[in-house]
Amino acid sequence: MASVYYSVNQPEIGKPFLVLEFGSHPDNDADDCWRGDGYSTREEAEAAFAGPAVDPSTRYVSIEGPGVYRVRKNPDYVPEPADDCWRMEHAHQCGMAFGVQGFNDAMGW
């Protein structure tokens, strides 16, 4: 089981089945579990695992508990928009050094 930490430290006492949402594959030793819910029965957990992820930026969803551990990709994954601030800042610096042409070149215009 990859995310033993989450299995041992269950979000709700007495609910042995977990459905967890991750930003990267949980078997890659990444500690980026966005959220998780505990379930009393395997059937409840399987239903939640088969349903849509709560957070659209979730890449992987896992189910784990006694006798079950599976990971699936979130088919509804929507990557967060890339931060473009660095590009604009670089373009401003080029503009101050080389004028309008420097700014336009840095922006790719």
N, C-alpha and C. Protein backbone atom coordinates (compact mmCIF):
# COMPACT_ATOMS: atom_id res chain seq x y z
N MET A 1 0.84 -1.17 0.00
CA MET A 1 0.00 0.00 0.00
C MET A 1 0.89 1.24 0.00
N ALA A 2 0.69 2.14 -0.93
CA ALA A 2 1.57 3.27 -1.11
C ALA A 2 1.42 4.33 -0.03
N SER A 3 0.22 4.72 0.27
CA SER A 3 0.04 5.83 1.20
C SER A 3 -0.38 5.31 2.58
N VAL A 4 0.55 4.59 3.21
CA VAL A 4 0.29 4.01 4.53
C VAL A 4 -0.02 5.09 5.54
N TYR A 5 0.60 6.25 5.40
CA TYR A 5 0.36 7.36 6.32
C TYR A 5 -1.12 7.68 6.40
N TYR A 6 -1.78 7.74 5.26
CA TYR A 6 -3.20 8.08 5.24
C TYR A 6 -4.05 6.92 5.75
N SER A 7 -3.59 5.68 5.54
CA SER A 7 -4.34 4.52 6.02
C SER A 7 -4.28 4.45 7.54
N VAL A 8 -3.13 4.73 8.09
CA VAL A 8 -2.96 4.66 9.54
C VAL A 8 -3.68 5.83 10.22
N ASN A 9 -3.54 7.02 9.66
CA ASN A 9 -4.15 8.21 10.24
C ASN A 9 -5.45 8.51 9.50
N GLN A 10 -6.45 7.70 9.74
CA GLN A 10 -7.69 7.80 8.99
C GLN A 10 -8.42 9.10 9.31
N PRO A 11 -9.09 9.68 8.30
CA PRO A 11 -9.79 10.93 8.52
C PRO A 11 -10.96 10.79 9.48
N GLU A 12 -11.55 9.61 9.55
CA GLU A 12 -12.68 9.40 10.45
C GLU A 12 -12.52 8.05 11.13
N ILE A 13 -12.57 8.05 12.44
CA ILE A 13 -12.42 6.82 13.21
C ILE A 13 -13.56 5.85 12.87
N GLY A 14 -13.22 4.59 12.71
CA GLY A 14 -14.23 3.57 12.45
C GLY A 14 -14.63 3.45 10.99
N LYS A 15 -13.98 4.19 10.11
CA LYS A 15 -14.27 4.11 8.68
C LYS A 15 -13.00 3.63 7.98
N PRO A 16 -12.90 2.32 7.77
CA PRO A 16 -11.64 1.74 7.29
C PRO A 16 -11.33 1.92 5.81
N PHE A 17 -12.31 2.36 5.02
CA PHE A 17 -12.08 2.52 3.59
C PHE A 17 -11.92 4.00 3.26
N LEU A 18 -10.88 4.30 2.47
CA LEU A 18 -10.57 5.68 2.13
C LEU A 18 -10.61 5.89 0.63
N VAL A 19 -11.11 7.04 0.21
CA VAL A 19 -11.01 7.50 -1.17
C VAL A 19 -10.25 8.82 -1.10
N LEU A 20 -9.07 8.84 -1.72
CA LEU A 20 -8.16 9.98 -1.62
C LEU A 20 -7.90 10.59 -2.98
N GLU A 21 -7.68 11.90 -3.00
CA GLU A 21 -7.39 12.62 -4.24
C GLU A 21 -5.98 13.18 -4.17
N PHE A 22 -5.21 12.95 -5.26
CA PHE A 22 -3.80 13.34 -5.30
C PHE A 22 -3.49 14.22 -6.51
N GLY A 23 -2.44 15.02 -6.38
CA GLY A 23 -1.95 15.83 -7.49
C GLY A 23 -0.97 15.06 -8.36
N SER A 24 -0.35 14.02 -7.82
CA SER A 24 0.54 13.16 -8.59
C SER A 24 0.29 11.72 -8.14
N HIS A 25 0.85 10.76 -8.85
CA HIS A 25 0.58 9.36 -8.55
C HIS A 25 1.04 9.03 -7.13
N PRO A 26 0.16 8.44 -6.32
CA PRO A 26 0.53 8.18 -4.92
C PRO A 26 1.66 7.17 -4.76
N ASP A 27 1.93 6.33 -5.76
CA ASP A 27 3.02 5.37 -5.66
C ASP A 27 4.38 6.01 -5.91
N ASN A 28 4.42 7.29 -6.26
CA ASN A 28 5.68 7.99 -6.51
C ASN A 28 6.21 8.68 -5.26
N ASP A 29 5.74 8.28 -4.10
CA ASP A 29 6.17 8.84 -2.81
C ASP A 29 5.96 10.34 -2.71
N ALA A 30 4.99 10.87 -3.43
CA ALA A 30 4.65 12.29 -3.33
C ALA A 30 3.64 12.46 -2.20
N ASP A 31 3.81 13.51 -1.45
CA ASP A 31 2.90 13.77 -0.33
C ASP A 31 1.98 14.92 -0.71
N ASP A 32 1.15 14.69 -1.72
CA ASP A 32 0.27 15.77 -2.17
C ASP A 32 -1.18 15.29 -2.25
N CYS A 33 -1.64 14.71 -1.17
CA CYS A 33 -3.03 14.29 -1.09
C CYS A 33 -3.87 15.53 -0.82
N TRP A 34 -4.71 15.90 -1.80
CA TRP A 34 -5.54 17.10 -1.64
C TRP A 34 -6.57 16.91 -0.55
N ARG A 35 -7.25 15.77 -0.65
CA ARG A 35 -8.36 15.54 0.27
C ARG A 35 -8.65 14.05 0.35
N GLY A 36 -9.45 13.65 1.30
CA GLY A 36 -9.83 12.26 1.43
C GLY A 36 -11.08 12.12 2.28
N ASP A 37 -11.81 11.06 2.01
CA ASP A 37 -13.02 10.76 2.77
C ASP A 37 -12.97 9.32 3.23
N GLY A 38 -13.49 9.08 4.43
CA GLY A 38 -13.56 7.73 4.98
C GLY A 38 -14.96 7.17 4.79
N TYR A 39 -15.03 5.84 4.60
CA TYR A 39 -16.31 5.15 4.39
C TYR A 39 -16.37 3.91 5.26
N SER A 40 -17.56 3.60 5.75
CA SER A 40 -17.76 2.44 6.62
C SER A 40 -17.74 1.13 5.85
N THR A 41 -18.22 1.14 4.62
CA THR A 41 -18.29 -0.10 3.84
C THR A 41 -17.51 0.03 2.54
N ARG A 42 -17.10 -1.11 2.04
CA ARG A 42 -16.38 -1.12 0.77
C ARG A 42 -17.27 -0.64 -0.37
N GLU A 43 -18.56 -0.96 -0.32
CA GLU A 43 -19.50 -0.56 -1.36
C GLU A 43 -19.61 0.96 -1.45
N GLU A 44 -19.69 1.63 -0.30
CA GLU A 44 -19.75 3.09 -0.30
C GLU A 44 -18.48 3.69 -0.90
N ALA A 45 -17.34 3.12 -0.51
CA ALA A 45 -16.06 3.61 -1.01
C ALA A 45 -15.93 3.36 -2.51
N GLU A 46 -16.35 2.19 -2.97
CA GLU A 46 -16.28 1.88 -4.41
C GLU A 46 -17.14 2.86 -5.21
N ALA A 47 -18.31 3.21 -4.68
CA ALA A 47 -19.19 4.16 -5.37
C ALA A 47 -18.54 5.53 -5.45
N ALA A 48 -17.91 5.97 -4.36
CA ALA A 48 -17.23 7.27 -4.36
C ALA A 48 -16.02 7.24 -5.29
N PHE A 49 -15.29 6.12 -5.31
CA PHE A 49 -14.11 5.96 -6.15
C PHE A 49 -14.50 6.03 -7.63
N ALA A 50 -15.65 5.45 -7.98
CA ALA A 50 -16.10 5.43 -9.37
C ALA A 50 -16.67 6.77 -9.81
N GLY A 51 -17.07 7.60 -8.87
CA GLY A 51 -17.66 8.89 -9.21
C GLY A 51 -16.62 9.93 -9.55
N PRO A 52 -17.08 11.15 -9.85
CA PRO A 52 -16.14 12.22 -10.20
C PRO A 52 -15.35 12.70 -8.98
N ALA A 53 -14.14 13.18 -9.24
CA ALA A 53 -13.33 13.76 -8.18
C ALA A 53 -13.96 15.08 -7.74
N VAL A 54 -13.80 15.41 -6.48
CA VAL A 54 -14.37 16.65 -5.95
C VAL A 54 -13.62 17.86 -6.49
N ASP A 55 -12.30 17.76 -6.55
CA ASP A 55 -11.46 18.87 -7.01
C ASP A 55 -11.02 18.59 -8.45
N PRO A 56 -11.36 19.48 -9.40
CA PRO A 56 -10.99 19.23 -10.80
C PRO A 56 -9.49 19.23 -11.06
N SER A 57 -8.68 19.76 -10.13
CA SER A 57 -7.23 19.74 -10.33
C SER A 57 -6.61 18.44 -9.82
N THR A 58 -7.43 17.49 -9.37
CA THR A 58 -6.97 16.19 -8.92
C THR A 58 -6.57 15.34 -10.12
N ARG A 59 -5.34 14.83 -10.10
CA ARG A 59 -4.88 13.98 -11.20
C ARG A 59 -5.20 12.51 -10.97
N TYR A 60 -5.10 12.05 -9.73
CA TYR A 60 -5.31 10.64 -9.42
C TYR A 60 -6.24 10.49 -8.22
N VAL A 61 -7.04 9.43 -8.25
CA VAL A 61 -7.93 9.08 -7.15
C VAL A 61 -7.57 7.66 -6.72
N SER A 62 -7.48 7.43 -5.42
CA SER A 62 -7.17 6.08 -4.94
C SER A 62 -8.25 5.62 -3.98
N ILE A 63 -8.39 4.32 -3.91
CA ILE A 63 -9.24 3.70 -2.90
C ILE A 63 -8.34 2.74 -2.15
N GLU A 64 -8.44 2.74 -0.84
CA GLU A 64 -7.65 1.81 -0.05
C GLU A 64 -8.38 1.45 1.22
N GLY A 65 -8.10 0.28 1.67
CA GLY A 65 -8.72 -0.25 2.88
C GLY A 65 -8.43 -1.73 2.97
N PRO A 66 -9.08 -2.43 3.88
CA PRO A 66 -8.84 -3.87 4.02
C PRO A 66 -9.15 -4.62 2.73
N GLY A 67 -8.10 -5.19 2.12
CA GLY A 67 -8.27 -6.00 0.92
C GLY A 67 -8.42 -5.24 -0.38
N VAL A 68 -8.22 -3.92 -0.38
CA VAL A 68 -8.37 -3.15 -1.61
C VAL A 68 -7.37 -2.00 -1.65
N TYR A 69 -6.71 -1.88 -2.81
CA TYR A 69 -5.88 -0.71 -3.10
C TYR A 69 -5.83 -0.56 -4.61
N ARG A 70 -6.42 0.53 -5.11
CA ARG A 70 -6.39 0.82 -6.55
C ARG A 70 -6.22 2.32 -6.75
N VAL A 71 -5.62 2.65 -7.89
CA VAL A 71 -5.43 4.05 -8.26
C VAL A 71 -5.94 4.21 -9.68
N ARG A 72 -6.62 5.32 -9.94
CA ARG A 72 -7.08 5.62 -11.30
C ARG A 72 -6.80 7.08 -11.60
N LYS A 73 -6.65 7.37 -12.88
CA LYS A 73 -6.52 8.76 -13.33
C LYS A 73 -7.90 9.42 -13.28
N ASN A 74 -7.92 10.69 -13.01
CA ASN A 74 -9.16 11.46 -13.03
C ASN A 74 -9.42 11.87 -14.47
N PRO A 75 -10.47 11.34 -15.11
CA PRO A 75 -10.72 11.70 -16.51
C PRO A 75 -11.17 13.15 -16.68
N ASP A 76 -11.59 13.78 -15.60
CA ASP A 76 -12.05 15.18 -15.66
C ASP A 76 -10.96 16.17 -15.24
N TYR A 77 -9.70 15.69 -15.17
CA TYR A 77 -8.60 16.54 -14.72
C TYR A 77 -8.47 17.79 -15.59
N VAL A 78 -8.40 18.93 -14.93
CA VAL A 78 -8.21 20.22 -15.60
C VAL A 78 -6.97 20.86 -14.98
N PRO A 79 -5.88 20.95 -15.73
CA PRO A 79 -4.67 21.55 -15.15
C PRO A 79 -4.92 23.02 -14.83
N GLU A 80 -4.32 23.44 -13.73
CA GLU A 80 -4.44 24.85 -13.36
C GLU A 80 -3.67 25.68 -14.38
N PRO A 81 -4.17 26.87 -14.71
CA PRO A 81 -3.46 27.70 -15.68
C PRO A 81 -2.04 28.01 -15.21
N ALA A 82 -1.11 27.97 -16.14
CA ALA A 82 0.29 28.25 -15.81
C ALA A 82 0.44 29.72 -15.41
N ASP A 83 1.29 29.93 -14.45
CA ASP A 83 1.55 31.29 -14.01
C ASP A 83 2.43 31.97 -15.05
N ASP A 84 1.92 32.98 -15.69
CA ASP A 84 2.61 33.67 -16.78
C ASP A 84 3.27 34.97 -16.32
N CYS A 85 3.24 35.24 -15.02
CA CYS A 85 3.79 36.50 -14.50
C CYS A 85 5.28 36.64 -14.80
N TRP A 86 6.03 35.52 -14.70
CA TRP A 86 7.46 35.58 -14.94
C TRP A 86 7.76 36.05 -16.36
N ARG A 87 6.94 35.62 -17.32
CA ARG A 87 7.16 35.98 -18.72
C ARG A 87 6.98 37.49 -18.92
N MET A 88 5.93 38.03 -18.33
CA MET A 88 5.68 39.46 -18.44
C MET A 88 6.79 40.26 -17.76
N GLU A 89 7.23 39.79 -16.59
CA GLU A 89 8.32 40.49 -15.89
C GLU A 89 9.59 40.48 -16.73
N HIS A 90 9.90 39.34 -17.33
CA HIS A 90 11.08 39.24 -18.19
C HIS A 90 10.95 40.21 -19.38
N ALA A 91 9.76 40.26 -19.96
CA ALA A 91 9.52 41.15 -21.10
C ALA A 91 9.69 42.61 -20.70
N HIS A 92 9.24 42.98 -19.51
CA HIS A 92 9.43 44.36 -19.04
C HIS A 92 10.91 44.68 -18.87
N GLN A 93 11.66 43.72 -18.31
CA GLN A 93 13.10 43.93 -18.16
C GLN A 93 13.77 44.12 -19.53
N CYS A 94 13.40 43.28 -20.48
CA CYS A 94 13.95 43.41 -21.84
C CYS A 94 13.54 44.73 -22.47
N GLY A 95 12.32 45.16 -22.19
CA GLY A 95 11.84 46.44 -22.72
C GLY A 95 12.64 47.61 -22.16
N MET A 96 12.99 47.55 -20.87
CA MET A 96 13.78 48.63 -20.27
C MET A 96 15.20 48.63 -20.84
N ALA A 97 15.72 47.47 -21.14
CA ALA A 97 17.08 47.39 -21.66
C ALA A 97 17.16 47.66 -23.15
N PHE A 98 16.18 47.15 -23.91
CA PHE A 98 16.28 47.19 -25.36
C PHE A 98 15.12 47.88 -26.06
N GLY A 99 14.25 48.50 -25.31
CA GLY A 99 13.14 49.24 -25.90
C GLY A 99 11.98 48.34 -26.30
N VAL A 100 11.11 48.90 -27.10
CA VAL A 100 9.89 48.20 -27.51
C VAL A 100 10.21 46.89 -28.23
N GLN A 101 11.24 46.91 -29.07
CA GLN A 101 11.60 45.69 -29.79
C GLN A 101 12.01 44.57 -28.83
N GLY A 102 12.74 44.92 -27.77
CA GLY A 102 13.13 43.93 -26.77
C GLY A 102 11.92 43.34 -26.06
N PHE A 103 10.97 44.22 -25.71
CA PHE A 103 9.73 43.76 -25.07
C PHE A 103 8.98 42.80 -25.99
N ASN A 104 8.80 43.22 -27.25
CA ASN A 104 8.06 42.39 -28.21
C ASN A 104 8.75 41.05 -28.46
N ASP A 105 10.08 41.07 -28.55
CA ASP A 105 10.82 39.82 -28.76
C ASP A 105 10.62 38.87 -27.58
N ALA A 106 10.69 39.41 -26.37
CA ALA A 106 10.52 38.57 -25.17
C ALA A 106 9.12 38.00 -25.09
N MET A 107 8.13 38.73 -25.57
CA MET A 107 6.76 38.25 -25.55
C MET A 107 6.46 37.33 -26.74
N GLY A 108 7.36 37.29 -27.69
CA GLY A 108 7.15 36.45 -28.85
C GLY A 108 6.25 37.07 -29.90
N TRP A 109 6.17 38.40 -29.90
CA TRP A 109 5.29 39.09 -30.86
C TRP A 109 6.05 39.52 -32.07
